[in-house]
């Protein structure tokens, strides 16, 4: 059985509705093999930019190999 991979995605957005990222600020980090590792990195990245209200990062997971989306 394969496990999910985790990614950190984000950047600076044009406003606090977080619908459009500012070109050139996009970030993608990963893959991480476990959610805990991704969470630690997410905390570090978020802490570095926490004073900037238009910056947001999230953790996404991709389905494990062989899993079926429903």
PDB file of N, CA and C in Angstrom:
ATOM      1  N   UNK A   1       0.842  -1.191   0.000  1.00  0.00           N
ATOM      2  CA  UNK A   1       0.000   0.000   0.000  1.00  0.00           C
ATOM      3  C   UNK A   1       0.881   1.246   0.000  1.00  0.00           C
ATOM      4  N   UNK A   2       0.637   2.155  -0.905  1.00  0.00           N
ATOM      5  CA  UNK A   2       1.390   3.405  -0.973  1.00  0.00           C
ATOM      6  C   UNK A   2       0.720   4.461  -0.107  1.00  0.00           C
ATOM      7  N   UNK A   3       1.527   5.386   0.394  1.00  0.00           N
ATOM      8  CA  UNK A   3       1.013   6.452   1.236  1.00  0.00           C
ATOM      9  C   UNK A   3       0.874   7.742   0.438  1.00  0.00           C
ATOM     10  N   UNK A   4       0.040   8.625   0.932  1.00  0.00           N
ATOM     11  CA  UNK A   4      -0.133   9.935   0.308  1.00  0.00           C
ATOM     12  C   UNK A   4       1.145  10.753   0.432  1.00  0.00           C
ATOM     13  N   UNK A   5       1.344  11.652  -0.490  1.00  0.00           N
ATOM     14  CA  UNK A   5       2.408  12.651  -0.419  1.00  0.00           C
ATOM     15  C   UNK A   5       1.763  13.977  -0.069  1.00  0.00           C
ATOM     16  N   UNK A   6       2.515  14.841   0.594  1.00  0.00           N
ATOM     17  CA  UNK A   6       1.998  16.137   1.031  1.00  0.00           C
ATOM     18  C   UNK A   6       2.822  17.249   0.423  1.00  0.00           C
ATOM     19  N   UNK A   7       2.160  18.349   0.104  1.00  0.00           N
ATOM     20  CA  UNK A   7       2.772  19.505  -0.539  1.00  0.00           C
ATOM     21  C   UNK A   7       2.355  20.769   0.192  1.00  0.00           C
ATOM     22  N   UNK A   8       3.237  21.772   0.210  1.00  0.00           N
ATOM     23  CA  UNK A   8       2.910  23.097   0.724  1.00  0.00           C
ATOM     24  C   UNK A   8       2.802  24.019  -0.478  1.00  0.00           C
ATOM     25  N   UNK A   9       1.682  24.712  -0.563  1.00  0.00           N
ATOM     26  CA  UNK A   9       1.387  25.585  -1.699  1.00  0.00           C
ATOM     27  C   UNK A   9       0.974  26.943  -1.149  1.00  0.00           C
ATOM     28  N   UNK A  10       1.438  28.009  -1.782  1.00  0.00           N
ATOM     29  CA  UNK A  10       0.994  29.324  -1.334  1.00  0.00           C
ATOM     30  C   UNK A  10       1.807  30.436  -1.955  1.00  0.00           C
ATOM     31  N   UNK A  11       1.722  31.598  -1.305  1.00  0.00           N
ATOM     32  CA  UNK A  11       2.418  32.782  -1.768  1.00  0.00           C
ATOM     33  C   UNK A  11       1.703  34.028  -1.288  1.00  0.00           C
ATOM     34  N   UNK A  12       2.016  35.129  -1.931  1.00  0.00           N
ATOM     35  CA  UNK A  12       1.372  36.400  -1.615  1.00  0.00           C
ATOM     36  C   UNK A  12       0.180  36.587  -2.546  1.00  0.00           C
ATOM     37  N   UNK A  13      -0.948  36.983  -1.980  1.00  0.00           N
ATOM     38  CA  UNK A  13      -2.166  37.166  -2.754  1.00  0.00           C
ATOM     39  C   UNK A  13      -2.467  38.653  -2.926  1.00  0.00           C
ATOM     40  N   UNK A  14      -3.297  38.972  -3.922  1.00  0.00           N
ATOM     41  CA  UNK A  14      -3.613  40.367  -4.225  1.00  0.00           C
ATOM     42  C   UNK A  14      -4.511  40.996  -3.159  1.00  0.00           C
ATOM     43  N   UNK A  15      -5.245  40.182  -2.405  1.00  0.00           N
ATOM     44  CA  UNK A  15      -6.114  40.687  -1.337  1.00  0.00           C
ATOM     45  C   UNK A  15      -6.368  39.568  -0.331  1.00  0.00           C
ATOM     46  N   UNK A  16      -7.047  39.920   0.740  1.00  0.00           N
ATOM     47  CA  UNK A  16      -7.306  38.923   1.779  1.00  0.00           C
ATOM     48  C   UNK A  16      -8.479  38.001   1.452  1.00  0.00           C
ATOM     49  N   UNK A  17      -9.008  38.056   0.245  1.00  0.00           N
ATOM     50  CA  UNK A  17      -9.964  37.017  -0.154  1.00  0.00           C
ATOM     51  C   UNK A  17      -9.221  35.803  -0.724  1.00  0.00           C
ATOM     52  N   UNK A  18      -7.908  35.933  -0.905  1.00  0.00           N
ATOM     53  CA  UNK A  18      -7.010  34.839  -1.302  1.00  0.00           C
ATOM     54  C   UNK A  18      -7.470  34.111  -2.563  1.00  0.00           C
ATOM     55  N   UNK A  19      -7.936  34.879  -3.546  1.00  0.00           N
ATOM     56  CA  UNK A  19      -8.401  34.257  -4.785  1.00  0.00           C
ATOM     57  C   UNK A  19      -7.390  34.358  -5.926  1.00  0.00           C
ATOM     58  N   UNK A  20      -6.445  35.306  -5.841  1.00  0.00           N
ATOM     59  CA  UNK A  20      -5.473  35.462  -6.922  1.00  0.00           C
ATOM     60  C   UNK A  20      -4.101  35.733  -6.329  1.00  0.00           C
ATOM     61  N   UNK A  21      -3.148  34.887  -6.702  1.00  0.00           N
ATOM     62  CA  UNK A  21      -1.788  35.037  -6.196  1.00  0.00           C
ATOM     63  C   UNK A  21      -1.040  36.079  -7.019  1.00  0.00           C
ATOM     64  N   UNK A  22      -0.155  36.820  -6.381  1.00  0.00           N
ATOM     65  CA  UNK A  22       0.682  37.797  -7.071  1.00  0.00           C
ATOM     66  C   UNK A  22       1.722  37.023  -7.891  1.00  0.00           C
ATOM     67  N   UNK A  23       1.766  37.310  -9.180  1.00  0.00           N
ATOM     68  CA  UNK A  23       2.702  36.613 -10.072  1.00  0.00           C
ATOM     69  C   UNK A  23       4.125  36.707  -9.544  1.00  0.00           C
ATOM     70  N   UNK A  24       4.800  35.574  -9.544  1.00  0.00           N
ATOM     71  CA  UNK A  24       6.188  35.525  -9.103  1.00  0.00           C
ATOM     72  C   UNK A  24       6.358  35.211  -7.629  1.00  0.00           C
ATOM     73  N   UNK A  25       5.270  35.178  -6.863  1.00  0.00           N
ATOM     74  CA  UNK A  25       5.383  34.876  -5.438  1.00  0.00           C
ATOM     75  C   UNK A  25       4.945  33.446  -5.109  1.00  0.00           C
ATOM     76  N   UNK A  26       4.503  32.712  -6.116  1.00  0.00           N
ATOM     77  CA  UNK A  26       4.017  31.356  -5.897  1.00  0.00           C
ATOM     78  C   UNK A  26       5.126  30.478  -5.312  1.00  0.00           C
ATOM     79  N   UNK A  27       4.733  29.615  -4.382  1.00  0.00           N
ATOM     80  CA  UNK A  27       5.680  28.673  -3.808  1.00  0.00           C
ATOM     81  C   UNK A  27       5.060  27.287  -3.764  1.00  0.00           C
ATOM     82  N   UNK A  28       5.873  26.295  -4.049  1.00  0.00           N
ATOM     83  CA  UNK A  28       5.481  24.901  -3.955  1.00  0.00           C
ATOM     84  C   UNK A  28       6.639  24.174  -3.307  1.00  0.00           C
ATOM     85  N   UNK A  29       6.374  23.521  -2.194  1.00  0.00           N
ATOM     86  CA  UNK A  29       7.421  22.757  -1.519  1.00  0.00           C
ATOM     87  C   UNK A  29       6.932  21.348  -1.285  1.00  0.00           C
ATOM     88  N   UNK A  30       7.810  20.406  -1.474  1.00  0.00           N
ATOM     89  CA  UNK A  30       7.479  19.005  -1.275  1.00  0.00           C
ATOM     90  C   UNK A  30       8.004  18.194  -2.433  1.00  0.00           C
ATOM     91  N   UNK A  31       7.673  16.948  -2.473  1.00  0.00           N
ATOM     92  CA  UNK A  31       6.698  16.282  -1.618  1.00  0.00           C
ATOM     93  C   UNK A  31       7.294  15.893  -0.267  1.00  0.00           C
ATOM     94  N   UNK A  32       6.410  15.812   0.704  1.00  0.00           N
ATOM     95  CA  UNK A  32       6.756  15.317   2.032  1.00  0.00           C
ATOM     96  C   UNK A  32       6.093  13.953   2.185  1.00  0.00           C
ATOM     97  N   UNK A  33       6.781  13.028   2.827  1.00  0.00           N
ATOM     98  CA  UNK A  33       6.260  11.678   2.972  1.00  0.00           C
ATOM     99  C   UNK A  33       5.255  11.523   4.102  1.00  0.00           C
ATOM    100  N   UNK A  34       5.221  12.491   5.020  1.00  0.00           N
ATOM    101  CA  UNK A  34       4.247  12.405   6.107  1.00  0.00           C
ATOM    102  C   UNK A  34       3.711  13.799   6.419  1.00  0.00           C
ATOM    103  N   UNK A  35       2.495  13.828   6.930  1.00  0.00           N
ATOM    104  CA  UNK A  35       1.829  15.090   7.244  1.00  0.00           C
ATOM    105  C   UNK A  35       2.591  15.869   8.304  1.00  0.00           C
ATOM    106  N   UNK A  36       3.181  15.190   9.269  1.00  0.00           N
ATOM    107  CA  UNK A  36       3.912  15.865  10.342  1.00  0.00           C
ATOM    108  C   UNK A  36       5.105  16.649   9.800  1.00  0.00           C
ATOM    109  N   UNK A  37       5.825  16.060   8.859  1.00  0.00           N
ATOM    110  CA  UNK A  37       6.962  16.751   8.235  1.00  0.00           C
ATOM    111  C   UNK A  37       6.489  17.984   7.471  1.00  0.00           C
ATOM    112  N   UNK A  38       5.396  17.844   6.733  1.00  0.00           N
ATOM    113  CA  UNK A  38       4.831  18.981   6.004  1.00  0.00           C
ATOM    114  C   UNK A  38       4.370  20.058   6.977  1.00  0.00           C
ATOM    115  N   UNK A  39       3.759  19.650   8.090  1.00  0.00           N
ATOM    116  CA  UNK A  39       3.259  20.609   9.079  1.00  0.00           C
ATOM    117  C   UNK A  39       4.410  21.400   9.709  1.00  0.00           C
ATOM    118  N   UNK A  40       5.503  20.745  10.009  1.00  0.00           N
ATOM    119  CA  UNK A  40       6.662  21.442  10.578  1.00  0.00           C
ATOM    120  C   UNK A  40       7.193  22.485   9.607  1.00  0.00           C
ATOM    121  N   UNK A  41       7.322  22.123   8.350  1.00  0.00           N
ATOM    122  CA  UNK A  41       7.808  23.060   7.338  1.00  0.00           C
ATOM    123  C   UNK A  41       6.806  24.190   7.141  1.00  0.00           C
ATOM    124  N   UNK A  42       5.506  23.862   7.101  1.00  0.00           N
ATOM    125  CA  UNK A  42       4.465  24.878   6.964  1.00  0.00           C
ATOM    126  C   UNK A  42       4.537  25.899   8.103  1.00  0.00           C
ATOM    127  N   UNK A  43       4.723  25.425   9.325  1.00  0.00           N
ATOM    128  CA  UNK A  43       4.831  26.341  10.470  1.00  0.00           C
ATOM    129  C   UNK A  43       6.020  27.288  10.315  1.00  0.00           C
ATOM    130  N   UNK A  44       7.155  26.753   9.899  1.00  0.00           N
ATOM    131  CA  UNK A  44       8.355  27.578   9.719  1.00  0.00           C
ATOM    132  C   UNK A  44       8.152  28.635   8.637  1.00  0.00           C
ATOM    133  N   UNK A  45       7.597  28.237   7.508  1.00  0.00           N
ATOM    134  CA  UNK A  45       7.354  29.184   6.415  1.00  0.00           C
ATOM    135  C   UNK A  45       6.338  30.243   6.845  1.00  0.00           C
ATOM    136  N   UNK A  46       5.267  29.807   7.472  1.00  0.00           N
ATOM    137  CA  UNK A  46       4.216  30.731   7.911  1.00  0.00           C
ATOM    138  C   UNK A  46       4.726  31.711   8.955  1.00  0.00           C
ATOM    139  N   UNK A  47       5.554  31.243   9.857  1.00  0.00           N
ATOM    140  CA  UNK A  47       6.107  32.111  10.904  1.00  0.00           C
ATOM    141  C   UNK A  47       6.983  33.209  10.297  1.00  0.00           C
ATOM    142  N   UNK A  48       7.749  32.874   9.270  1.00  0.00           N
ATOM    143  CA  UNK A  48       8.616  33.864   8.620  1.00  0.00           C
ATOM    144  C   UNK A  48       7.809  35.020   8.014  1.00  0.00           C
ATOM    145  N   UNK A  49       6.569  34.759   7.600  1.00  0.00           N
ATOM    146  CA  UNK A  49       5.765  35.761   6.888  1.00  0.00           C
ATOM    147  C   UNK A  49       4.502  36.148   7.651  1.00  0.00           C
ATOM    148  N   UNK A  50       4.417  35.832   8.944  1.00  0.00           N
ATOM    149  CA  UNK A  50       3.162  35.999   9.677  1.00  0.00           C
ATOM    150  C   UNK A  50       2.665  37.434   9.779  1.00  0.00           C
ATOM    151  N   UNK A  51       3.522  38.420   9.632  1.00  0.00           N
ATOM    152  CA  UNK A  51       3.096  39.814   9.689  1.00  0.00           C
ATOM    153  C   UNK A  51       2.493  40.330   8.395  1.00  0.00           C
ATOM    154  N   UNK A  52       2.474  39.500   7.373  1.00  0.00           N
ATOM    155  CA  UNK A  52       1.977  39.912   6.057  1.00  0.00           C
ATOM    156  C   UNK A  52       0.593  39.298   5.833  1.00  0.00           C
ATOM    157  N   UNK A  53      -0.439  40.135   5.929  1.00  0.00           N
ATOM    158  CA  UNK A  53      -1.815  39.623   5.904  1.00  0.00           C
ATOM    159  C   UNK A  53      -2.246  39.042   4.562  1.00  0.00           C
ATOM    160  N   UNK A  54      -1.538  39.321   3.484  1.00  0.00           N
ATOM    161  CA  UNK A  54      -1.911  38.797   2.169  1.00  0.00           C
ATOM    162  C   UNK A  54      -1.144  37.539   1.793  1.00  0.00           C
ATOM    163  N   UNK A  55      -0.428  36.941   2.743  1.00  0.00           N
ATOM    164  CA  UNK A  55       0.354  35.741   2.475  1.00  0.00           C
ATOM    165  C   UNK A  55      -0.332  34.555   3.127  1.00  0.00           C
ATOM    166  N   UNK A  56      -0.452  33.480   2.366  1.00  0.00           N
ATOM    167  CA  UNK A  56      -1.096  32.270   2.891  1.00  0.00           C
ATOM    168  C   UNK A  56      -0.435  31.038   2.295  1.00  0.00           C
ATOM    169  N   UNK A  57      -0.303  30.017   3.128  1.00  0.00           N
ATOM    170  CA  UNK A  57       0.210  28.717   2.700  1.00  0.00           C
ATOM    171  C   UNK A  57      -0.733  27.645   3.215  1.00  0.00           C
ATOM    172  N   UNK A  58      -0.917  26.598   2.430  1.00  0.00           N
ATOM    173  CA  UNK A  58      -1.739  25.478   2.845  1.00  0.00           C
ATOM    174  C   UNK A  58      -0.995  24.175   2.572  1.00  0.00           C
ATOM    175  N   UNK A  59      -1.442  23.126   3.217  1.00  0.00           N
ATOM    176  CA  UNK A  59      -0.905  21.790   2.978  1.00  0.00           C
ATOM    177  C   UNK A  59      -1.940  21.020   2.175  1.00  0.00           C
ATOM    178  N   UNK A  60      -1.498  20.445   1.074  1.00  0.00           N
ATOM    179  CA  UNK A  60      -2.354  19.612   0.238  1.00  0.00           C
ATOM    180  C   UNK A  60      -1.805  18.193   0.227  1.00  0.00           C
ATOM    181  N   UNK A  61      -2.685  17.229   0.100  1.00  0.00           N
ATOM    182  CA  UNK A  61      -2.223  15.848  -0.031  1.00  0.00           C
ATOM    183  C   UNK A  61      -2.703  15.296  -1.358  1.00  0.00           C
ATOM    184  N   UNK A  62      -1.866  14.483  -1.942  1.00  0.00           N
ATOM    185  CA  UNK A  62      -2.267  13.815  -3.162  1.00  0.00           C
ATOM    186  C   UNK A  62      -2.725  12.404  -2.781  1.00  0.00           C
ATOM    187  N   UNK A  63      -3.630  11.834  -3.521  1.00  0.00           N
ATOM    188  CA  UNK A  63      -4.111  10.500  -3.180  1.00  0.00           C
ATOM    189  C   UNK A  63      -2.973   9.475  -3.218  1.00  0.00           C
ATOM    190  N   UNK A  64      -3.063   8.514  -2.349  1.00  0.00           N
ATOM    191  CA  UNK A  64      -2.088   7.410  -2.375  1.00  0.00           C
ATOM    192  C   UNK A  64      -2.226   6.657  -3.678  1.00  0.00           C
ATOM    193  N   UNK A  65      -1.116   6.159  -4.178  1.00  0.00           N
ATOM    194  CA  UNK A  65      -1.145   5.383  -5.410  1.00  0.00           C
ATOM    195  C   UNK A  65      -2.085   4.198  -5.240  1.00  0.00           C
ATOM    196  N   UNK A  66      -2.926   3.992  -6.209  1.00  0.00           N
ATOM    197  CA  UNK A  66      -3.856   2.874  -6.163  1.00  0.00           C
ATOM    198  C   UNK A  66      -5.181   3.199  -5.519  1.00  0.00           C
ATOM    199  N   UNK A  67      -5.316   4.407  -4.932  1.00  0.00           N
ATOM    200  CA  UNK A  67      -6.598   4.769  -4.332  1.00  0.00           C
ATOM    201  C   UNK A  67      -7.523   5.317  -5.405  1.00  0.00           C
ATOM    202  N   UNK A  68      -8.795   5.211  -5.171  1.00  0.00           N
ATOM    203  CA  UNK A  68      -9.790   5.667  -6.127  1.00  0.00           C
ATOM    204  C   UNK A  68     -10.570   6.818  -5.515  1.00  0.00           C
ATOM    205  N   UNK A  69     -10.651   7.936  -6.230  1.00  0.00           N
ATOM    206  CA  UNK A  69     -11.430   9.083  -5.759  1.00  0.00           C
ATOM    207  C   UNK A  69     -12.912   8.759  -5.871  1.00  0.00           C
ATOM    208  N   UNK A  70     -13.663   9.226  -4.875  1.00  0.00           N
ATOM    209  CA  UNK A  70     -15.117   8.961  -4.907  1.00  0.00           C
ATOM    210  C   UNK A  70     -15.879  10.245  -4.908  1.00  0.00           C
TER     211      UNK A  70
END
